[in-house]
Amino acid sequence: MVKSRNSSSLNRAEMPVKQDFNYEETVAKVEAIIAQIEAGNLDLAAVFDEFTAAVEYLRQCETFLQEKQQKMDLLIETLSDTPESF
């Protein structure tokens, strides 16, 4: 059975980010991979491997940002639900 691209990406997006995840470090890894690919010094197989790694790092970043956005939305909702007392 072949999974569609959207269903597999949804499953990955639902997976929580590891506790020790560092967004800035992961973005730096992606930037380094892009620089290597753009430099043109890698053979084709290495380009595919590096590209695959970069995509996975970007998925981790997306999941991290989605989790943080959900937390922010919840906090904002909580603030909106509390009555103002002056």
PDB file of N, CA and C in Angstrom:
ATOM      1  N   MET A   1       0.836  -1.174   0.000  1.00  0.00           N
ATOM      2  CA  MET A   1       0.000   0.000   0.000  1.00  0.00           C
ATOM      3  C   MET A   1       0.883   1.241   0.000  1.00  0.00           C
ATOM      4  N   VAL A   2       0.583   2.184  -0.887  1.00  0.00           N
ATOM      5  CA  VAL A   2       1.377   3.392  -1.011  1.00  0.00           C
ATOM      6  C   VAL A   2       0.697   4.515  -0.256  1.00  0.00           C
ATOM      7  N   LYS A   3       1.437   5.159   0.621  1.00  0.00           N
ATOM      8  CA  LYS A   3       0.899   6.281   1.376  1.00  0.00           C
ATOM      9  C   LYS A   3       1.042   7.546   0.554  1.00  0.00           C
ATOM     10  N   SER A   4       0.076   8.414   0.669  1.00  0.00           N
ATOM     11  CA  SER A   4       0.193   9.691  -0.008  1.00  0.00           C
ATOM     12  C   SER A   4       1.184  10.558   0.759  1.00  0.00           C
ATOM     13  N   ARG A   5       1.711  11.536   0.086  1.00  0.00           N
ATOM     14  CA  ARG A   5       2.700  12.418   0.694  1.00  0.00           C
ATOM     15  C   ARG A   5       2.113  13.176   1.878  1.00  0.00           C
ATOM     16  N   ASN A   6       0.867  13.603   1.737  1.00  0.00           N
ATOM     17  CA  ASN A   6       0.243  14.383   2.804  1.00  0.00           C
ATOM     18  C   ASN A   6       0.031  13.571   4.065  1.00  0.00           C
ATOM     19  N   SER A   7      -0.383  12.321   3.938  1.00  0.00           N
ATOM     20  CA  SER A   7      -0.638  11.531   5.142  1.00  0.00           C
ATOM     21  C   SER A   7       0.648  11.238   5.896  1.00  0.00           C
ATOM     22  N   SER A   8       1.747  10.994   5.197  1.00  0.00           N
ATOM     23  CA  SER A   8       2.995  10.726   5.901  1.00  0.00           C
ATOM     24  C   SER A   8       3.534  11.978   6.566  1.00  0.00           C
ATOM     25  N   SER A   9       3.366  13.139   5.937  1.00  0.00           N
ATOM     26  CA  SER A   9       3.844  14.367   6.562  1.00  0.00           C
ATOM     27  C   SER A   9       2.976  14.740   7.750  1.00  0.00           C
ATOM     28  N   LEU A  10       1.684  14.436   7.705  1.00  0.00           N
ATOM     29  CA  LEU A  10       0.829  14.697   8.854  1.00  0.00           C
ATOM     30  C   LEU A  10       1.249  13.847  10.038  1.00  0.00           C
ATOM     31  N   ASN A  11       1.574  12.596   9.798  1.00  0.00           N
ATOM     32  CA  ASN A  11       2.002  11.722  10.888  1.00  0.00           C
ATOM     33  C   ASN A  11       3.270  12.241  11.536  1.00  0.00           C
ATOM     34  N   ARG A  12       4.201  12.718  10.740  1.00  0.00           N
ATOM     35  CA  ARG A  12       5.444  13.235  11.305  1.00  0.00           C
ATOM     36  C   ARG A  12       5.205  14.528  12.061  1.00  0.00           C
ATOM     37  N   ALA A  13       4.302  15.357  11.544  1.00  0.00           N
ATOM     38  CA  ALA A  13       4.025  16.623  12.209  1.00  0.00           C
ATOM     39  C   ALA A  13       3.371  16.410  13.570  1.00  0.00           C
ATOM     40  N   GLU A  14       2.680  15.293  13.747  1.00  0.00           N
ATOM     41  CA  GLU A  14       2.019  15.009  15.010  1.00  0.00           C
ATOM     42  C   GLU A  14       2.979  14.454  16.048  1.00  0.00           C
ATOM     43  N   MET A  15       4.152  14.006  15.627  1.00  0.00           N
ATOM     44  CA  MET A  15       5.123  13.452  16.556  1.00  0.00           C
ATOM     45  C   MET A  15       5.747  14.590  17.362  1.00  0.00           C
ATOM     46  N   PRO A  16       5.822  14.453  18.683  1.00  0.00           N
ATOM     47  CA  PRO A  16       6.404  15.532  19.487  1.00  0.00           C
ATOM     48  C   PRO A  16       7.902  15.671  19.235  1.00  0.00           C
ATOM     49  N   VAL A  17       8.372  16.884  19.430  1.00  0.00           N
ATOM     50  CA  VAL A  17       9.798  17.172  19.271  1.00  0.00           C
ATOM     51  C   VAL A  17      10.525  16.679  20.506  1.00  0.00           C
ATOM     52  N   LYS A  18      11.743  16.188  20.323  1.00  0.00           N
ATOM     53  CA  LYS A  18      12.550  15.706  21.442  1.00  0.00           C
ATOM     54  C   LYS A  18      12.795  16.826  22.441  1.00  0.00           C
ATOM     55  N   GLN A  19      12.925  16.462  23.698  1.00  0.00           N
ATOM     56  CA  GLN A  19      13.103  17.423  24.780  1.00  0.00           C
ATOM     57  C   GLN A  19      14.349  18.289  24.585  1.00  0.00           C
ATOM     58  N   ASP A  20      15.420  17.717  24.059  1.00  0.00           N
ATOM     59  CA  ASP A  20      16.675  18.453  23.910  1.00  0.00           C
ATOM     60  C   ASP A  20      16.799  19.143  22.555  1.00  0.00           C
ATOM     61  N   PHE A  21      15.705  19.259  21.810  1.00  0.00           N
ATOM     62  CA  PHE A  21      15.714  19.898  20.494  1.00  0.00           C
ATOM     63  C   PHE A  21      16.089  21.367  20.624  1.00  0.00           C
ATOM     64  N   ASN A  22      16.952  21.832  19.727  1.00  0.00           N
ATOM     65  CA  ASN A  22      17.345  23.230  19.699  1.00  0.00           C
ATOM     66  C   ASN A  22      17.058  23.771  18.301  1.00  0.00           C
ATOM     67  N   TYR A  23      16.090  24.665  18.225  1.00  0.00           N
ATOM     68  CA  TYR A  23      15.648  25.201  16.938  1.00  0.00           C
ATOM     69  C   TYR A  23      16.791  25.893  16.197  1.00  0.00           C
ATOM     70  N   GLU A  24      17.503  26.757  16.876  1.00  0.00           N
ATOM     71  CA  GLU A  24      18.571  27.529  16.236  1.00  0.00           C
ATOM     72  C   GLU A  24      19.673  26.628  15.690  1.00  0.00           C
ATOM     73  N   GLU A  25      20.053  25.608  16.463  1.00  0.00           N
ATOM     74  CA  GLU A  25      21.081  24.672  15.994  1.00  0.00           C
ATOM     75  C   GLU A  25      20.605  23.890  14.771  1.00  0.00           C
ATOM     76  N   THR A  26      19.347  23.525  14.779  1.00  0.00           N
ATOM     77  CA  THR A  26      18.804  22.758  13.659  1.00  0.00           C
ATOM     78  C   THR A  26      18.744  23.613  12.401  1.00  0.00           C
ATOM     79  N   VAL A  27      18.341  24.862  12.541  1.00  0.00           N
ATOM     80  CA  VAL A  27      18.338  25.770  11.390  1.00  0.00           C
ATOM     81  C   VAL A  27      19.766  25.952  10.869  1.00  0.00           C
ATOM     82  N   ALA A  28      20.727  26.063  11.761  1.00  0.00           N
ATOM     83  CA  ALA A  28      22.129  26.198  11.344  1.00  0.00           C
ATOM     84  C   ALA A  28      22.590  24.963  10.567  1.00  0.00           C
ATOM     85  N   LYS A  29      22.128  23.777  10.981  1.00  0.00           N
ATOM     86  CA  LYS A  29      22.464  22.551  10.247  1.00  0.00           C
ATOM     87  C   LYS A  29      21.897  22.597   8.833  1.00  0.00           C
ATOM     88  N   VAL A  30      20.664  23.058   8.709  1.00  0.00           N
ATOM     89  CA  VAL A  30      20.040  23.160   7.384  1.00  0.00           C
ATOM     90  C   VAL A  30      20.816  24.151   6.520  1.00  0.00           C
ATOM     91  N   GLU A  31      21.174  25.279   7.100  1.00  0.00           N
ATOM     92  CA  GLU A  31      21.941  26.280   6.357  1.00  0.00           C
ATOM     93  C   GLU A  31      23.286  25.731   5.901  1.00  0.00           C
ATOM     94  N   ALA A  32      23.939  24.942   6.753  1.00  0.00           N
ATOM     95  CA  ALA A  32      25.226  24.345   6.395  1.00  0.00           C
ATOM     96  C   ALA A  32      25.050  23.342   5.249  1.00  0.00           C
ATOM     97  N   ILE A  33      23.981  22.569   5.296  1.00  0.00           N
ATOM     98  CA  ILE A  33      23.714  21.606   4.226  1.00  0.00           C
ATOM     99  C   ILE A  33      23.479  22.335   2.916  1.00  0.00           C
ATOM    100  N   ILE A  34      22.687  23.406   2.965  1.00  0.00           N
ATOM    101  CA  ILE A  34      22.415  24.179   1.751  1.00  0.00           C
ATOM    102  C   ILE A  34      23.718  24.732   1.179  1.00  0.00           C
ATOM    103  N   ALA A  35      24.577  25.242   2.047  1.00  0.00           N
ATOM    104  CA  ALA A  35      25.863  25.784   1.595  1.00  0.00           C
ATOM    105  C   ALA A  35      26.704  24.700   0.919  1.00  0.00           C
ATOM    106  N   GLN A  36      26.715  23.485   1.494  1.00  0.00           N
ATOM    107  CA  GLN A  36      27.468  22.382   0.891  1.00  0.00           C
ATOM    108  C   GLN A  36      26.926  22.035  -0.494  1.00  0.00           C
ATOM    109  N   ILE A  37      25.610  21.963  -0.584  1.00  0.00           N
ATOM    110  CA  ILE A  37      24.998  21.613  -1.876  1.00  0.00           C
ATOM    111  C   ILE A  37      25.281  22.700  -2.905  1.00  0.00           C
ATOM    112  N   GLU A  38      25.111  23.954  -2.505  1.00  0.00           N
ATOM    113  CA  GLU A  38      25.344  25.064  -3.425  1.00  0.00           C
ATOM    114  C   GLU A  38      26.797  25.174  -3.860  1.00  0.00           C
ATOM    115  N   ALA A  39      27.720  24.751  -3.007  1.00  0.00           N
ATOM    116  CA  ALA A  39      29.143  24.814  -3.353  1.00  0.00           C
ATOM    117  C   ALA A  39      29.476  23.876  -4.510  1.00  0.00           C
ATOM    118  N   GLY A  40      28.670  22.829  -4.674  1.00  0.00           N
ATOM    119  CA  GLY A  40      28.874  21.917  -5.789  1.00  0.00           C
ATOM    120  C   GLY A  40      30.016  20.947  -5.613  1.00  0.00           C
ATOM    121  N   ASN A  41      30.482  20.748  -4.394  1.00  0.00           N
ATOM    122  CA  ASN A  41      31.605  19.856  -4.146  1.00  0.00           C
ATOM    123  C   ASN A  41      31.194  18.436  -3.782  1.00  0.00           C
ATOM    124  N   LEU A  42      29.897  18.161  -3.710  1.00  0.00           N
ATOM    125  CA  LEU A  42      29.414  16.833  -3.329  1.00  0.00           C
ATOM    126  C   LEU A  42      29.066  16.027  -4.576  1.00  0.00           C
ATOM    127  N   ASP A  43      29.262  14.711  -4.475  1.00  0.00           N
ATOM    128  CA  ASP A  43      28.778  13.884  -5.578  1.00  0.00           C
ATOM    129  C   ASP A  43      27.260  13.767  -5.458  1.00  0.00           C
ATOM    130  N   LEU A  44      26.635  13.263  -6.505  1.00  0.00           N
ATOM    131  CA  LEU A  44      25.178  13.254  -6.573  1.00  0.00           C
ATOM    132  C   LEU A  44      24.538  12.470  -5.425  1.00  0.00           C
ATOM    133  N   ALA A  45      25.098  11.340  -5.074  1.00  0.00           N
ATOM    134  CA  ALA A  45      24.545  10.541  -3.980  1.00  0.00           C
ATOM    135  C   ALA A  45      24.593  11.311  -2.666  1.00  0.00           C
ATOM    136  N   ALA A  46      25.683  12.022  -2.440  1.00  0.00           N
ATOM    137  CA  ALA A  46      25.812  12.816  -1.220  1.00  0.00           C
ATOM    138  C   ALA A  46      24.817  13.974  -1.213  1.00  0.00           C
ATOM    139  N   VAL A  47      24.560  14.554  -2.373  1.00  0.00           N
ATOM    140  CA  VAL A  47      23.566  15.631  -2.464  1.00  0.00           C
ATOM    141  C   VAL A  47      22.206  15.109  -2.019  1.00  0.00           C
ATOM    142  N   PHE A  48      21.821  13.937  -2.516  1.00  0.00           N
ATOM    143  CA  PHE A  48      20.533  13.357  -2.131  1.00  0.00           C
ATOM    144  C   PHE A  48      20.481  13.052  -0.635  1.00  0.00           C
ATOM    145  N   ASP A  49      21.552  12.517  -0.088  1.00  0.00           N
ATOM    146  CA  ASP A  49      21.604  12.216   1.342  1.00  0.00           C
ATOM    147  C   ASP A  49      21.498  13.486   2.175  1.00  0.00           C
ATOM    148  N   GLU A  50      22.226  14.506   1.793  1.00  0.00           N
ATOM    149  CA  GLU A  50      22.202  15.773   2.525  1.00  0.00           C
ATOM    150  C   GLU A  50      20.841  16.454   2.400  1.00  0.00           C
ATOM    151  N   PHE A  51      20.269  16.384   1.210  1.00  0.00           N
ATOM    152  CA  PHE A  51      18.945  16.975   1.005  1.00  0.00           C
ATOM    153  C   PHE A  51      17.908  16.275   1.887  1.00  0.00           C
ATOM    154  N   THR A  52      17.994  14.948   1.955  1.00  0.00           N
ATOM    155  CA  THR A  52      17.076  14.177   2.804  1.00  0.00           C
ATOM    156  C   THR A  52      17.226  14.589   4.266  1.00  0.00           C
ATOM    157  N   ALA A  53      18.445  14.761   4.722  1.00  0.00           N
ATOM    158  CA  ALA A  53      18.684  15.196   6.098  1.00  0.00           C
ATOM    159  C   ALA A  53      18.104  16.590   6.333  1.00  0.00           C
ATOM    160  N   ALA A  54      18.286  17.494   5.375  1.00  0.00           N
ATOM    161  CA  ALA A  54      17.771  18.850   5.514  1.00  0.00           C
ATOM    162  C   ALA A  54      16.247  18.856   5.612  1.00  0.00           C
ATOM    163  N   VAL A  55      15.600  18.023   4.806  1.00  0.00           N
ATOM    164  CA  VAL A  55      14.133  17.939   4.853  1.00  0.00           C
ATOM    165  C   VAL A  55      13.683  17.451   6.226  1.00  0.00           C
ATOM    166  N   GLU A  56      14.355  16.463   6.771  1.00  0.00           N
ATOM    167  CA  GLU A  56      13.986  15.958   8.094  1.00  0.00           C
ATOM    168  C   GLU A  56      14.185  17.035   9.169  1.00  0.00           C
ATOM    169  N   TYR A  57      15.291  17.770   9.085  1.00  0.00           N
ATOM    170  CA  TYR A  57      15.521  18.861  10.031  1.00  0.00           C
ATOM    171  C   TYR A  57      14.419  19.916   9.924  1.00  0.00           C
ATOM    172  N   LEU A  58      14.020  20.233   8.693  1.00  0.00           N
ATOM    173  CA  LEU A  58      12.956  21.224   8.509  1.00  0.00           C
ATOM    174  C   LEU A  58      11.624  20.728   9.061  1.00  0.00           C
ATOM    175  N   ARG A  59      11.365  19.442   8.944  1.00  0.00           N
ATOM    176  CA  ARG A  59      10.145  18.876   9.535  1.00  0.00           C
ATOM    177  C   ARG A  59      10.173  18.994  11.056  1.00  0.00           C
ATOM    178  N   GLN A  60      11.335  18.753  11.637  1.00  0.00           N
ATOM    179  CA  GLN A  60      11.474  18.906  13.088  1.00  0.00           C
ATOM    180  C   GLN A  60      11.215  20.354  13.497  1.00  0.00           C
ATOM    181  N   CYS A  61      11.742  21.290  12.716  1.00  0.00           N
ATOM    182  CA  CYS A  61      11.524  22.712  13.012  1.00  0.00           C
ATOM    183  C   CYS A  61      10.044  23.064  12.901  1.00  0.00           C
ATOM    184  N   GLU A  62       9.392  22.561  11.871  1.00  0.00           N
ATOM    185  CA  GLU A  62       7.974  22.830  11.683  1.00  0.00           C
ATOM    186  C   GLU A  62       7.151  22.290  12.863  1.00  0.00           C
ATOM    187  N   THR A  63       7.455  21.079  13.283  1.00  0.00           N
ATOM    188  CA  THR A  63       6.749  20.486  14.417  1.00  0.00           C
ATOM    189  C   THR A  63       6.982  21.303  15.682  1.00  0.00           C
ATOM    190  N   PHE A  64       8.212  21.706  15.920  1.00  0.00           N
ATOM    191  CA  PHE A  64       8.551  22.534  17.074  1.00  0.00           C
ATOM    192  C   PHE A  64       7.736  23.823  17.074  1.00  0.00           C
ATOM    193  N   LEU A  65       7.696  24.493  15.918  1.00  0.00           N
ATOM    194  CA  LEU A  65       6.963  25.752  15.826  1.00  0.00           C
ATOM    195  C   LEU A  65       5.459  25.542  16.012  1.00  0.00           C
ATOM    196  N   GLN A  66       4.932  24.455  15.480  1.00  0.00           N
ATOM    197  CA  GLN A  66       3.511  24.153  15.658  1.00  0.00           C
ATOM    198  C   GLN A  66       3.186  23.917  17.128  1.00  0.00           C
ATOM    199  N   GLU A  67       4.042  23.183  17.824  1.00  0.00           N
ATOM    200  CA  GLU A  67       3.826  22.927  19.249  1.00  0.00           C
ATOM    201  C   GLU A  67       3.842  24.230  20.040  1.00  0.00           C
ATOM    202  N   LYS A  68       4.781  25.093  19.741  1.00  0.00           N
ATOM    203  CA  LYS A  68       4.883  26.370  20.454  1.00  0.00           C
ATOM    204  C   LYS A  68       3.691  27.263  20.128  1.00  0.00           C
ATOM    205  N   GLN A  69       3.233  27.239  18.877  1.00  0.00           N
ATOM    206  CA  GLN A  69       2.071  28.029  18.485  1.00  0.00           C
ATOM    207  C   GLN A  69       0.827  27.566  19.240  1.00  0.00           C
ATOM    208  N   GLN A  70       0.675  26.247  19.386  1.00  0.00           N
ATOM    209  CA  GLN A  70      -0.463  25.717  20.130  1.00  0.00           C
ATOM    210  C   GLN A  70      -0.424  26.168  21.590  1.00  0.00           C
ATOM    211  N   LYS A  71       0.761  26.161  22.181  1.00  0.00           N
ATOM    212  CA  LYS A  71       0.894  26.611  23.566  1.00  0.00           C
ATOM    213  C   LYS A  71       0.562  28.095  23.695  1.00  0.00           C
ATOM    214  N   MET A  72       1.032  28.890  22.742  1.00  0.00           N
ATOM    215  CA  MET A  72       0.741  30.323  22.760  1.00  0.00           C
ATOM    216  C   MET A  72      -0.755  30.566  22.595  1.00  0.00           C
ATOM    217  N   ASP A  73      -1.382  29.849  21.683  1.00  0.00           N
ATOM    218  CA  ASP A  73      -2.825  29.991  21.470  1.00  0.00           C
ATOM    219  C   ASP A  73      -3.592  29.658  22.743  1.00  0.00           C
ATOM    220  N   LEU A  74      -3.168  28.598  23.422  1.00  0.00           N
ATOM    221  CA  LEU A  74      -3.821  28.201  24.663  1.00  0.00           C
ATOM    222  C   LEU A  74      -3.656  29.273  25.740  1.00  0.00           C
ATOM    223  N   LEU A  75      -2.461  29.825  25.851  1.00  0.00           N
ATOM    224  CA  LEU A  75      -2.228  30.889  26.826  1.00  0.00           C
ATOM    225  C   LEU A  75      -3.064  32.123  26.517  1.00  0.00           C
ATOM    226  N   ILE A  76      -3.141  32.476  25.251  1.00  0.00           N
ATOM    227  CA  ILE A  76      -3.945  33.636  24.857  1.00  0.00           C
ATOM    228  C   ILE A  76      -5.417  33.378  25.147  1.00  0.00           C
ATOM    229  N   GLU A  77      -5.874  32.176  24.849  1.00  0.00           N
ATOM    230  CA  GLU A  77      -7.261  31.816  25.115  1.00  0.00           C
ATOM    231  C   GLU A  77      -7.546  31.880  26.618  1.00  0.00           C
ATOM    232  N   THR A  78      -6.613  31.391  27.409  1.00  0.00           N
ATOM    233  CA  THR A  78      -6.771  31.425  28.856  1.00  0.00           C
ATOM    234  C   THR A  78      -6.872  32.865  29.358  1.00  0.00           C
ATOM    235  N   LEU A  79      -6.030  33.732  28.822  1.00  0.00           N
ATOM    236  CA  LEU A  79      -6.085  35.147  29.206  1.00  0.00           C
ATOM    237  C   LEU A  79      -7.406  35.779  28.787  1.00  0.00           C
ATOM    238  N   SER A  80      -7.899  35.424  27.629  1.00  0.00           N
ATOM    239  CA  SER A  80      -9.151  35.987  27.129  1.00  0.00           C
ATOM    240  C   SER A  80     -10.351  35.513  27.938  1.00  0.00           C
ATOM    241  N   ASP A  81     -10.265  34.319  28.520  1.00  0.00           N
ATOM    242  CA  ASP A  81     -11.368  33.757  29.279  1.00  0.00           C
ATOM    243  C   ASP A  81     -11.459  34.282  30.705  1.00  0.00           C
ATOM    244  N   THR A  82     -10.392  34.872  31.219  1.00  0.00           N
ATOM    245  CA  THR A  82     -10.415  35.357  32.600  1.00  0.00           C
ATOM    246  C   THR A  82     -11.051  36.734  32.638  1.00  0.00           C
ATOM    247  N   PRO A  83     -11.993  36.946  33.571  1.00  0.00           N
ATOM    248  CA  PRO A  83     -12.638  38.268  33.674  1.00  0.00           C
ATOM    249  C   PRO A  83     -11.664  39.313  34.205  1.00  0.00           C
ATOM    250  N   GLU A  84     -11.813  40.497  33.671  1.00  0.00           N
ATOM    251  CA  GLU A  84     -10.957  41.598  34.125  1.00  0.00           C
ATOM    252  C   GLU A  84     -11.512  42.127  35.439  1.00  0.00           C
ATOM    253  N   SER A  85     -10.642  42.340  36.390  1.00  0.00           N
ATOM    254  CA  SER A  85     -11.089  42.896  37.671  1.00  0.00           C
ATOM    255  C   SER A  85     -10.270  44.132  37.991  1.00  0.00           C
ATOM    256  N   PHE A  86     -10.923  45.239  37.972  1.00  0.00           N
ATOM    257  CA  PHE A  86     -10.258  46.501  38.295  1.00  0.00           C
ATOM    258  C   PHE A  86     -10.951  47.186  39.421  1.00  0.00           C
TER     259      PHE A  86
END
